[in-house]
């Protein structure tokens, strides 16, 4: 599974591939802590790429951000997007780099969303893991046929155990522009070519950073 496709395309779009994200993966609770996180995001030049509501549980706002270099965060709040009520808790769930976006109003799968996954490797793993998993390229193509188009791609950053970060799995976020609820979800895919669904979303829409990137 070639997860370097996103990195290569990002470079072609003039988006660099930084190796470090400064904001910690933790929850910021209370007005002062939330204000601190927002100030840190602003200082890094972070802006929203995608925003929506995570389904299940409390249907909380889920936000993907990025700076101009292509590094960003997945952040979840404790209030619903569109409710008019500000979240009093924000949790930084994931760090990522090499962000690219795709215009879901246009049909077709962006090349970076496919990874030459090998069914002989991924297939047995999917059979064992079951629900919520699939062979990467197969699921992306099935999603496209069903109206769920890839909107965002990035490379997750994971803890290297030495106080630094290392390259993690490929992240994809898709949603259906024809669905009145704009339903979609986030998934990750490792080098084995197995795509794993992490969570579903509704009310998904582009943020200012995505609109900026789509103009390029």
Protein backbone atom coordinates (compact mmCIF):
# COMPACT_ATOMS: atom_id res chain seq x y z
CA UNK A 1 0.00 0.00 0.00
CA UNK A 2 1.57 3.25 -1.15
CA UNK A 3 0.65 5.85 1.44
CA UNK A 4 3.22 8.27 -0.01
CA UNK A 5 0.76 9.38 -2.69
CA UNK A 6 -0.62 12.17 -0.51
CA UNK A 7 2.87 13.44 0.30
CA UNK A 8 3.85 13.47 -3.36
CA UNK A 9 0.75 15.35 -4.45
CA UNK A 10 1.11 17.82 -1.57
CA UNK A 11 4.60 18.62 -2.77
CA UNK A 12 3.26 19.15 -6.28
CA UNK A 13 0.72 21.64 -4.94
CA UNK A 14 3.39 23.59 -3.12
CA UNK A 15 2.40 22.20 0.27
CA UNK A 16 5.40 21.15 2.30
CA UNK A 17 5.55 18.07 4.53
CA UNK A 18 6.53 19.23 8.02
CA UNK A 19 7.42 16.59 10.59
CA UNK A 20 6.26 18.22 13.80
CA UNK A 21 3.00 19.48 15.31
CA UNK A 22 3.39 21.55 18.47
CA UNK A 23 -0.05 21.36 20.08
CA UNK A 24 -0.51 18.43 22.45
CA UNK A 25 -3.05 15.66 22.07
CA UNK A 26 -5.24 16.36 25.08
CA UNK A 27 -8.53 17.91 26.19
CA UNK A 28 -8.79 21.59 27.02
CA UNK A 29 -11.61 22.00 29.56
CA UNK A 30 -13.14 25.28 30.68
CA UNK A 31 -13.20 28.77 29.20
CA UNK A 32 -9.57 29.59 30.00
CA UNK A 33 -8.20 26.34 28.55
CA UNK A 34 -10.35 26.60 25.41
CA UNK A 35 -9.19 30.18 24.92
CA UNK A 36 -5.58 28.98 25.31
CA UNK A 37 -6.04 26.32 22.61
CA UNK A 38 -7.68 28.79 20.24
CA UNK A 39 -4.77 31.19 20.77
CA UNK A 40 -2.27 28.41 20.03
CA UNK A 41 -4.13 27.44 16.87
CA UNK A 42 -4.23 31.05 15.74
CA UNK A 43 -0.50 31.46 16.44
CA UNK A 44 0.20 28.44 14.21
CA UNK A 45 -1.98 29.86 11.45
CA UNK A 46 -4.48 27.01 11.71
CA UNK A 47 -7.79 27.38 9.89
CA UNK A 48 -10.69 24.99 9.36
CA UNK A 49 -10.52 22.56 6.43
CA UNK A 50 -13.65 20.57 7.25
CA UNK A 51 -16.22 20.82 10.00
CA UNK A 52 -19.27 18.77 10.87
CA UNK A 53 -20.92 16.77 13.63
CA UNK A 54 -19.78 13.34 14.72
CA UNK A 55 -22.70 10.92 14.86
CA UNK A 56 -23.44 8.76 17.87
CA UNK A 57 -23.12 9.81 21.48
CA UNK A 58 -23.60 13.55 21.84
CA UNK A 59 -23.28 14.37 18.12
CA UNK A 60 -20.40 16.73 18.91
CA UNK A 61 -18.69 19.13 16.55
CA UNK A 62 -15.70 17.62 14.78
CA UNK A 63 -13.18 19.90 13.12
CA UNK A 64 -10.16 19.40 10.87
CA UNK A 65 -7.70 22.28 10.64
CA UNK A 66 -4.50 23.02 8.72
CA UNK A 67 -1.90 25.74 8.33
CA UNK A 68 -0.43 26.88 5.02
CA UNK A 69 2.33 24.23 5.23
CA UNK A 70 -0.18 21.36 5.33
CA UNK A 71 0.06 20.41 8.99
CA UNK A 72 -3.08 20.22 11.09
CA UNK A 73 -5.26 18.72 13.78
CA UNK A 74 -8.53 16.88 14.30
CA UNK A 75 -10.40 18.53 17.16
CA UNK A 76 -13.66 17.56 18.83
CA UNK A 77 -15.89 19.77 20.98
CA UNK A 78 -18.70 19.09 23.43
CA UNK A 79 -21.37 21.09 21.58
CA UNK A 80 -23.02 20.54 18.24
CA UNK A 81 -21.86 22.47 15.17
CA UNK A 82 -24.64 24.80 14.08
CA UNK A 83 -26.26 24.93 17.53
CA UNK A 84 -25.00 28.44 18.23
CA UNK A 85 -23.52 27.23 21.53
CA UNK A 86 -19.74 27.39 21.98
CA UNK A 87 -17.93 24.27 23.18
CA UNK A 88 -16.58 24.48 26.72
CA UNK A 89 -14.30 21.50 26.11
CA UNK A 90 -12.12 20.96 23.04
CA UNK A 91 -10.10 17.77 22.59
CA UNK A 92 -7.21 17.52 20.14
CA UNK A 93 -7.56 13.95 18.88
CA UNK A 94 -5.08 13.62 16.01
CA UNK A 95 -2.15 15.41 14.41
CA UNK A 96 -1.45 15.10 10.70
CA UNK A 97 0.62 16.51 7.84
CA UNK A 98 0.66 16.77 4.04
CA UNK A 99 -2.98 17.85 3.78
CA UNK A 100 -4.67 17.80 0.39
CA UNK A 101 -8.30 18.50 -0.44
CA UNK A 102 -10.65 17.50 -3.22
CA UNK A 103 -13.75 19.21 -4.58
CA UNK A 104 -16.59 16.77 -3.89
CA UNK A 105 -18.93 18.70 -6.20
CA UNK A 106 -17.04 17.09 -9.08
CA UNK A 107 -17.16 13.33 -9.80
CA UNK A 108 -14.04 11.21 -9.78
CA UNK A 109 -11.47 9.92 -7.30
CA UNK A 110 -8.31 12.00 -6.79
CA UNK A 111 -5.17 9.92 -7.52
CA UNK A 112 -3.82 10.43 -4.01
CA UNK A 113 -6.87 8.70 -2.49
CA UNK A 114 -5.88 5.35 -4.02
CA UNK A 115 -2.91 3.33 -2.89
CA UNK A 116 -2.52 0.18 -4.99
CA UNK A 117 -3.73 -1.94 -2.08
CA UNK A 118 -3.01 -5.65 -2.55
CA UNK A 119 -6.13 -7.81 -2.00
CA UNK A 120 -3.97 -10.85 -1.24
CA UNK A 121 -2.52 -9.00 1.77
CA UNK A 122 -5.48 -6.89 2.88
CA UNK A 123 -8.20 -9.43 2.14
CA UNK A 124 -7.39 -11.99 4.87
CA UNK A 125 -6.97 -9.20 7.45
CA UNK A 126 -10.33 -7.69 6.52
CA UNK A 127 -11.95 -11.11 6.77
CA UNK A 128 -10.54 -11.50 10.27
CA UNK A 129 -11.37 -7.98 11.51
CA UNK A 130 -14.81 -7.82 9.93
CA UNK A 131 -17.21 -4.90 10.25
CA UNK A 132 -15.85 -1.39 9.64
CA UNK A 133 -12.89 -2.56 7.58
CA UNK A 134 -12.25 -3.11 3.90
CA UNK A 135 -9.63 -3.29 1.18
CA UNK A 136 -8.66 0.34 0.73
CA UNK A 137 -9.03 0.90 -3.01
CA UNK A 138 -12.19 -1.20 -3.18
CA UNK A 139 -13.92 0.82 -0.46
CA UNK A 140 -12.89 4.17 -1.97
CA UNK A 141 -14.30 3.15 -5.36
CA UNK A 142 -17.49 1.78 -3.76
CA UNK A 143 -17.91 5.02 -1.84
CA UNK A 144 -17.56 7.04 -5.04
CA UNK A 145 -20.20 4.94 -6.78
CA UNK A 146 -22.55 5.54 -3.83
CA UNK A 147 -21.97 9.29 -3.84
CA UNK A 148 -19.43 9.47 -1.00
CA UNK A 149 -16.48 11.40 -2.40
CA UNK A 150 -13.10 11.89 -0.79
CA UNK A 151 -12.77 15.46 0.48
CA UNK A 152 -9.55 15.37 2.50
CA UNK A 153 -6.38 13.32 2.63
CA UNK A 154 -3.47 13.56 5.06
CA UNK A 155 -0.78 11.51 6.78
CA UNK A 156 -1.38 10.98 10.49
CA UNK A 157 1.45 11.65 12.92
CA UNK A 158 2.00 9.20 15.79
CA UNK A 159 4.19 9.28 18.89
CA UNK A 160 7.61 7.72 18.25
CA UNK A 161 8.14 7.02 21.96
CA UNK A 162 11.12 9.34 22.08
CA UNK A 163 9.37 12.67 22.41
CA UNK A 164 8.98 13.05 18.66
CA UNK A 165 6.64 11.99 15.89
CA UNK A 166 6.69 9.49 13.07
CA UNK A 167 4.63 8.91 9.95
CA UNK A 168 1.39 7.09 10.67
CA UNK A 169 -1.48 5.85 8.50
CA UNK A 170 -3.22 7.55 5.60
CA UNK A 171 -6.28 9.53 6.72
CA UNK A 172 -9.27 10.11 4.46
CA UNK A 173 -12.45 12.06 5.10
CA UNK A 174 -15.32 11.68 2.67
CA UNK A 175 -18.88 12.95 2.47
CA UNK A 176 -21.82 12.98 0.10
CA UNK A 177 -22.62 16.39 -1.42
CA UNK A 178 -25.98 15.05 -2.64
CA UNK A 179 -27.06 13.85 0.82
CA UNK A 180 -29.24 16.52 2.52
CA UNK A 181 -27.42 15.73 5.77
CA UNK A 182 -23.99 15.82 4.08
CA UNK A 183 -23.10 12.51 5.71
CA UNK A 184 -19.58 11.12 5.62
CA UNK A 185 -16.81 9.82 7.82
CA UNK A 186 -13.15 9.48 8.63
CA UNK A 187 -10.98 6.43 8.00
CA UNK A 188 -7.35 5.39 8.30
CA UNK A 189 -5.32 2.99 6.16
CA UNK A 190 -1.96 1.46 7.01
CA UNK A 191 0.67 -0.10 4.78
CA UNK A 192 -1.28 -3.37 4.78
CA UNK A 193 -3.97 -1.72 2.64
CA UNK A 194 -6.74 -2.26 5.21
CA UNK A 195 -9.05 0.71 5.53
CA UNK A 196 -10.64 1.14 8.96
CA UNK A 197 -13.65 3.36 9.60
CA UNK A 198 -13.11 5.51 12.69
CA UNK A 199 -16.31 7.52 12.92
CA UNK A 200 -19.25 8.86 10.90
CA UNK A 201 -20.24 12.50 10.49
CA UNK A 202 -23.13 14.63 9.27
CA UNK A 203 -23.42 18.33 8.36
CA UNK A 204 -19.94 18.18 6.80
CA UNK A 205 -18.79 21.31 5.00
CA UNK A 206 -15.59 22.96 3.84
CA UNK A 207 -13.78 25.55 5.95
CA UNK A 208 -11.76 28.56 4.75
CA UNK A 209 -8.46 26.65 4.44
CA UNK A 210 -10.03 24.09 2.12
CA UNK A 211 -11.62 26.79 -0.03
CA UNK A 212 -8.19 28.41 -0.28
CA UNK A 213 -6.53 25.16 -1.35
CA UNK A 214 -9.27 24.35 -3.88
CA UNK A 215 -8.53 27.62 -5.70
CA UNK A 216 -4.97 26.47 -6.52
